[in-house]
Amino acid sequence: MIDNQHIRWSLLAYDAYQKIGDDIHKRFGYNAKSDYEQEVDKTIIRLAKFPDLGKQEFELAEDGSVRSMPVRKLSKIIYFVEEDILYIADVWATRQDPDYLKGRFQK
């Protein structure tokens, strides 16, 4: 189990998370954005407890060490674990081109 002090966000992931939240706010309002943020928090807490829960993303790492976990139908968290640290590598809006998203991934 990984505690909150051992969760690290990449700048790319945090920026993408903010942009998705801003888009939700523009389209659906403040409450929808707040609900989304709470769901992301719950998902990350779940991943910290059970890091193998997400789907292995073999396109991003041949060894299956990179995983993804959907957050509602709007986005998914791309993450990996190294030395008891949960790295949030990216947050993908599911309506974006997957090839573009894969191209910007860095571990």
N, C-alpha and C. Protein backbone atom coordinates (compact mmCIF):
# COMPACT_ATOMS: atom_id res chain seq x y z
N MET A 1 0.84 -1.18 0.00
CA MET A 1 0.00 0.00 0.00
C MET A 1 0.88 1.25 0.00
N ILE A 2 0.51 2.20 -0.79
CA ILE A 2 1.26 3.44 -0.94
C ILE A 2 0.51 4.54 -0.20
N ASP A 3 1.22 5.31 0.62
CA ASP A 3 0.53 6.40 1.33
C ASP A 3 0.55 7.67 0.49
N ASN A 4 -0.21 8.67 0.93
CA ASN A 4 -0.36 9.91 0.16
C ASN A 4 0.95 10.64 -0.06
N GLN A 5 1.92 10.45 0.83
CA GLN A 5 3.21 11.12 0.68
C GLN A 5 4.04 10.51 -0.44
N HIS A 6 3.61 9.36 -0.95
CA HIS A 6 4.35 8.68 -2.00
C HIS A 6 3.59 8.66 -3.32
N ILE A 7 2.86 9.72 -3.58
CA ILE A 7 2.16 9.90 -4.85
C ILE A 7 2.76 11.13 -5.52
N ARG A 8 3.21 10.98 -6.74
CA ARG A 8 3.85 12.07 -7.48
C ARG A 8 3.13 12.29 -8.80
N TRP A 9 2.81 13.53 -9.08
CA TRP A 9 2.20 13.92 -10.35
C TRP A 9 3.27 14.51 -11.26
N SER A 10 3.27 14.12 -12.53
CA SER A 10 4.12 14.81 -13.50
C SER A 10 3.46 16.15 -13.83
N LEU A 11 4.24 17.09 -14.31
CA LEU A 11 3.67 18.37 -14.72
C LEU A 11 2.67 18.17 -15.86
N LEU A 12 2.98 17.27 -16.77
CA LEU A 12 2.08 16.97 -17.88
C LEU A 12 0.74 16.46 -17.36
N ALA A 13 0.78 15.54 -16.41
CA ALA A 13 -0.46 14.97 -15.86
C ALA A 13 -1.29 16.03 -15.15
N TYR A 14 -0.63 16.85 -14.33
CA TYR A 14 -1.37 17.86 -13.58
C TYR A 14 -1.98 18.90 -14.52
N ASP A 15 -1.24 19.28 -15.55
CA ASP A 15 -1.75 20.24 -16.53
C ASP A 15 -2.96 19.65 -17.27
N ALA A 16 -2.86 18.41 -17.69
CA ALA A 16 -3.97 17.75 -18.39
C ALA A 16 -5.20 17.64 -17.48
N TYR A 17 -4.98 17.29 -16.22
CA TYR A 17 -6.06 17.20 -15.23
C TYR A 17 -6.77 18.55 -15.08
N GLN A 18 -5.98 19.63 -15.00
CA GLN A 18 -6.55 20.97 -14.88
C GLN A 18 -7.36 21.34 -16.13
N LYS A 19 -6.83 21.03 -17.30
CA LYS A 19 -7.53 21.37 -18.55
C LYS A 19 -8.84 20.60 -18.68
N ILE A 20 -8.83 19.34 -18.30
CA ILE A 20 -10.06 18.55 -18.34
C ILE A 20 -11.08 19.15 -17.36
N GLY A 21 -10.63 19.50 -16.16
CA GLY A 21 -11.52 20.13 -15.19
C GLY A 21 -12.09 21.44 -15.69
N ASP A 22 -11.25 22.25 -16.33
CA ASP A 22 -11.71 23.52 -16.89
C ASP A 22 -12.77 23.29 -17.97
N ASP A 23 -12.54 22.29 -18.82
CA ASP A 23 -13.50 21.98 -19.87
C ASP A 23 -14.83 21.52 -19.27
N ILE A 24 -14.79 20.69 -18.24
CA ILE A 24 -16.01 20.24 -17.57
C ILE A 24 -16.74 21.44 -16.97
N HIS A 25 -15.98 22.34 -16.36
CA HIS A 25 -16.58 23.53 -15.77
C HIS A 25 -17.30 24.38 -16.83
N LYS A 26 -16.66 24.58 -17.96
CA LYS A 26 -17.27 25.38 -19.04
C LYS A 26 -18.53 24.73 -19.59
N ARG A 27 -18.49 23.41 -19.73
CA ARG A 27 -19.61 22.71 -20.35
C ARG A 27 -20.76 22.42 -19.38
N PHE A 28 -20.40 22.06 -18.12
CA PHE A 28 -21.43 21.53 -17.22
C PHE A 28 -21.54 22.27 -15.89
N GLY A 29 -20.60 23.17 -15.61
CA GLY A 29 -20.71 23.96 -14.39
C GLY A 29 -19.78 23.50 -13.28
N TYR A 30 -19.79 24.32 -12.22
CA TYR A 30 -18.89 24.11 -11.09
C TYR A 30 -19.12 22.76 -10.39
N ASN A 31 -20.37 22.38 -10.18
CA ASN A 31 -20.64 21.13 -9.45
C ASN A 31 -20.10 19.92 -10.20
N ALA A 32 -20.23 19.93 -11.52
CA ALA A 32 -19.70 18.82 -12.32
C ALA A 32 -18.18 18.75 -12.21
N LYS A 33 -17.54 19.91 -12.23
CA LYS A 33 -16.08 19.94 -12.08
C LYS A 33 -15.68 19.41 -10.70
N SER A 34 -16.38 19.84 -9.67
CA SER A 34 -16.08 19.38 -8.31
C SER A 34 -16.28 17.86 -8.19
N ASP A 35 -17.35 17.35 -8.79
CA ASP A 35 -17.58 15.90 -8.78
C ASP A 35 -16.45 15.15 -9.48
N TYR A 36 -15.99 15.70 -10.60
CA TYR A 36 -14.89 15.08 -11.34
C TYR A 36 -13.62 15.05 -10.48
N GLU A 37 -13.29 16.17 -9.85
CA GLU A 37 -12.10 16.25 -9.01
C GLU A 37 -12.17 15.26 -7.85
N GLN A 38 -13.34 15.12 -7.24
CA GLN A 38 -13.51 14.15 -6.16
C GLN A 38 -13.33 12.73 -6.66
N GLU A 39 -13.84 12.45 -7.85
CA GLU A 39 -13.70 11.12 -8.43
C GLU A 39 -12.23 10.80 -8.75
N VAL A 40 -11.49 11.78 -9.23
CA VAL A 40 -10.05 11.59 -9.47
C VAL A 40 -9.35 11.29 -8.15
N ASP A 41 -9.66 12.05 -7.11
CA ASP A 41 -9.05 11.80 -5.79
C ASP A 41 -9.34 10.39 -5.29
N LYS A 42 -10.59 9.97 -5.40
CA LYS A 42 -10.97 8.61 -4.96
C LYS A 42 -10.23 7.55 -5.76
N THR A 43 -10.11 7.78 -7.07
CA THR A 43 -9.43 6.82 -7.93
C THR A 43 -7.96 6.69 -7.55
N ILE A 44 -7.31 7.81 -7.28
CA ILE A 44 -5.89 7.77 -6.92
C ILE A 44 -5.70 7.10 -5.56
N ILE A 45 -6.59 7.34 -4.63
CA ILE A 45 -6.52 6.66 -3.33
C ILE A 45 -6.67 5.16 -3.52
N ARG A 46 -7.59 4.76 -4.39
CA ARG A 46 -7.79 3.34 -4.69
C ARG A 46 -6.53 2.73 -5.32
N LEU A 47 -5.91 3.48 -6.25
CA LEU A 47 -4.69 2.99 -6.90
C LEU A 47 -3.54 2.89 -5.92
N ALA A 48 -3.48 3.80 -4.96
CA ALA A 48 -2.42 3.74 -3.95
C ALA A 48 -2.57 2.48 -3.10
N LYS A 49 -3.79 2.07 -2.85
CA LYS A 49 -4.04 0.85 -2.06
C LYS A 49 -3.84 -0.40 -2.90
N PHE A 50 -4.25 -0.33 -4.17
CA PHE A 50 -4.22 -1.49 -5.06
C PHE A 50 -3.60 -1.09 -6.40
N PRO A 51 -2.28 -0.92 -6.46
CA PRO A 51 -1.64 -0.40 -7.68
C PRO A 51 -1.80 -1.28 -8.91
N ASP A 52 -2.07 -2.56 -8.74
CA ASP A 52 -2.23 -3.45 -9.89
C ASP A 52 -3.65 -3.44 -10.44
N LEU A 53 -4.49 -2.58 -9.91
CA LEU A 53 -5.90 -2.54 -10.29
C LEU A 53 -6.12 -2.11 -11.74
N GLY A 54 -5.31 -1.20 -12.24
CA GLY A 54 -5.50 -0.65 -13.58
C GLY A 54 -5.12 -1.62 -14.69
N LYS A 55 -5.57 -1.29 -15.87
CA LYS A 55 -5.27 -2.09 -17.08
C LYS A 55 -3.84 -1.82 -17.51
N GLN A 56 -3.11 -2.86 -17.82
CA GLN A 56 -1.74 -2.71 -18.32
C GLN A 56 -1.79 -2.10 -19.72
N GLU A 57 -0.93 -1.11 -19.94
CA GLU A 57 -0.85 -0.42 -21.23
C GLU A 57 0.44 -0.85 -21.93
N PHE A 58 0.37 -1.95 -22.65
CA PHE A 58 1.55 -2.50 -23.30
C PHE A 58 2.07 -1.61 -24.43
N GLU A 59 1.21 -0.74 -24.96
CA GLU A 59 1.67 0.19 -25.99
C GLU A 59 2.60 1.26 -25.41
N LEU A 60 2.49 1.49 -24.11
CA LEU A 60 3.30 2.50 -23.45
C LEU A 60 4.54 1.91 -22.78
N ALA A 61 4.45 0.66 -22.39
CA ALA A 61 5.59 -0.04 -21.79
C ALA A 61 5.41 -1.53 -22.08
N GLU A 62 6.32 -2.09 -22.84
CA GLU A 62 6.21 -3.49 -23.25
C GLU A 62 6.12 -4.46 -22.08
N ASP A 63 6.71 -4.07 -20.94
CA ASP A 63 6.70 -4.96 -19.78
C ASP A 63 5.40 -4.85 -18.97
N GLY A 64 4.48 -4.00 -19.39
CA GLY A 64 3.20 -3.87 -18.70
C GLY A 64 3.27 -3.06 -17.42
N SER A 65 4.36 -2.35 -17.20
CA SER A 65 4.53 -1.60 -15.95
C SER A 65 3.71 -0.31 -15.91
N VAL A 66 3.28 0.15 -17.07
CA VAL A 66 2.44 1.35 -17.13
C VAL A 66 0.99 0.88 -17.21
N ARG A 67 0.15 1.51 -16.41
CA ARG A 67 -1.26 1.10 -16.32
C ARG A 67 -2.17 2.31 -16.48
N SER A 68 -3.44 2.02 -16.72
CA SER A 68 -4.43 3.09 -16.80
C SER A 68 -5.66 2.72 -16.00
N MET A 69 -6.33 3.75 -15.51
CA MET A 69 -7.57 3.56 -14.76
C MET A 69 -8.55 4.64 -15.20
N PRO A 70 -9.73 4.22 -15.70
CA PRO A 70 -10.70 5.22 -16.11
C PRO A 70 -11.28 6.00 -14.93
N VAL A 71 -11.60 7.26 -15.20
CA VAL A 71 -12.31 8.11 -14.25
C VAL A 71 -13.59 8.51 -14.96
N ARG A 72 -14.66 7.86 -14.58
CA ARG A 72 -15.92 8.01 -15.31
C ARG A 72 -15.64 7.71 -16.77
N LYS A 73 -16.37 8.29 -17.65
CA LYS A 73 -16.12 8.07 -19.09
C LYS A 73 -15.35 9.22 -19.69
N LEU A 74 -14.97 10.19 -18.87
CA LEU A 74 -14.36 11.41 -19.38
C LEU A 74 -12.85 11.32 -19.55
N SER A 75 -12.21 10.54 -18.70
CA SER A 75 -10.75 10.51 -18.74
C SER A 75 -10.22 9.22 -18.14
N LYS A 76 -8.91 9.06 -18.29
CA LYS A 76 -8.26 7.95 -17.60
C LYS A 76 -6.90 8.41 -17.12
N ILE A 77 -6.51 7.85 -15.99
CA ILE A 77 -5.24 8.17 -15.36
C ILE A 77 -4.21 7.16 -15.86
N ILE A 78 -3.08 7.66 -16.33
CA ILE A 78 -1.97 6.82 -16.76
C ILE A 78 -0.94 6.88 -15.64
N TYR A 79 -0.52 5.72 -15.14
CA TYR A 79 0.36 5.71 -13.97
C TYR A 79 1.31 4.51 -13.99
N PHE A 80 2.30 4.59 -13.13
CA PHE A 80 3.21 3.46 -12.90
C PHE A 80 3.74 3.57 -11.48
N VAL A 81 4.29 2.48 -10.99
CA VAL A 81 4.84 2.43 -9.64
C VAL A 81 6.31 2.06 -9.73
N GLU A 82 7.13 2.82 -9.01
CA GLU A 82 8.55 2.52 -8.87
C GLU A 82 8.96 2.80 -7.44
N GLU A 83 9.59 1.81 -6.82
CA GLU A 83 10.10 1.95 -5.46
C GLU A 83 9.07 2.53 -4.50
N ASP A 84 7.88 1.96 -4.48
CA ASP A 84 6.79 2.36 -3.59
C ASP A 84 6.30 3.78 -3.81
N ILE A 85 6.52 4.33 -4.99
CA ILE A 85 5.99 5.64 -5.34
C ILE A 85 5.04 5.46 -6.52
N LEU A 86 3.83 5.99 -6.37
CA LEU A 86 2.84 5.98 -7.43
C LEU A 86 3.03 7.25 -8.25
N TYR A 87 3.43 7.08 -9.50
CA TYR A 87 3.64 8.21 -10.40
C TYR A 87 2.41 8.37 -11.31
N ILE A 88 1.76 9.52 -11.20
CA ILE A 88 0.68 9.85 -12.13
C ILE A 88 1.38 10.50 -13.32
N ALA A 89 1.49 9.75 -14.41
CA ALA A 89 2.27 10.19 -15.56
C ALA A 89 1.48 11.09 -16.49
N ASP A 90 0.18 10.83 -16.61
CA ASP A 90 -0.65 11.63 -17.51
C ASP A 90 -2.11 11.39 -17.17
N VAL A 91 -2.95 12.29 -17.63
CA VAL A 91 -4.40 12.13 -17.55
C VAL A 91 -4.91 12.38 -18.96
N TRP A 92 -5.58 11.39 -19.50
CA TRP A 92 -6.04 11.46 -20.88
C TRP A 92 -7.53 11.72 -20.93
N ALA A 93 -7.92 12.72 -21.71
CA ALA A 93 -9.33 12.91 -22.05
C ALA A 93 -9.67 11.84 -23.06
N THR A 94 -10.67 11.05 -22.79
CA THR A 94 -10.95 9.89 -23.64
C THR A 94 -11.47 10.27 -25.02
N ARG A 95 -11.83 11.53 -25.22
CA ARG A 95 -12.31 11.95 -26.54
C ARG A 95 -11.17 12.41 -27.44
N GLN A 96 -9.94 12.41 -26.95
CA GLN A 96 -8.81 12.84 -27.76
C GLN A 96 -8.24 11.66 -28.55
N ASP A 97 -7.45 11.98 -29.58
CA ASP A 97 -6.82 10.99 -30.42
C ASP A 97 -5.81 10.17 -29.60
N PRO A 98 -6.02 8.86 -29.49
CA PRO A 98 -5.11 8.04 -28.69
C PRO A 98 -3.67 8.02 -29.19
N ASP A 99 -3.47 8.11 -30.50
CA ASP A 99 -2.11 8.13 -31.03
C ASP A 99 -1.36 9.38 -30.58
N TYR A 100 -2.05 10.52 -30.56
CA TYR A 100 -1.44 11.76 -30.05
C TYR A 100 -1.07 11.60 -28.58
N LEU A 101 -1.99 11.04 -27.81
CA LEU A 101 -1.75 10.89 -26.37
C LEU A 101 -0.58 9.94 -26.11
N LYS A 102 -0.52 8.84 -26.84
CA LYS A 102 0.60 7.89 -26.68
C LYS A 102 1.92 8.56 -27.03
N GLY A 103 1.90 9.44 -28.03
CA GLY A 103 3.11 10.11 -28.47
C GLY A 103 3.70 11.07 -27.45
N ARG A 104 2.88 11.58 -26.56
CA ARG A 104 3.39 12.53 -25.58
C ARG A 104 3.77 11.86 -24.26
N PHE A 105 3.51 10.56 -24.13
CA PHE A 105 3.80 9.85 -22.88
C PHE A 105 5.30 9.75 -22.63
N GLN A 106 5.70 10.00 -21.39
CA GLN A 106 7.09 9.82 -20.96
C GLN A 106 7.10 9.17 -19.58
N LYS A 107 7.91 8.18 -19.42
CA LYS A 107 8.04 7.52 -18.12
C LYS A 107 9.27 8.01 -17.44
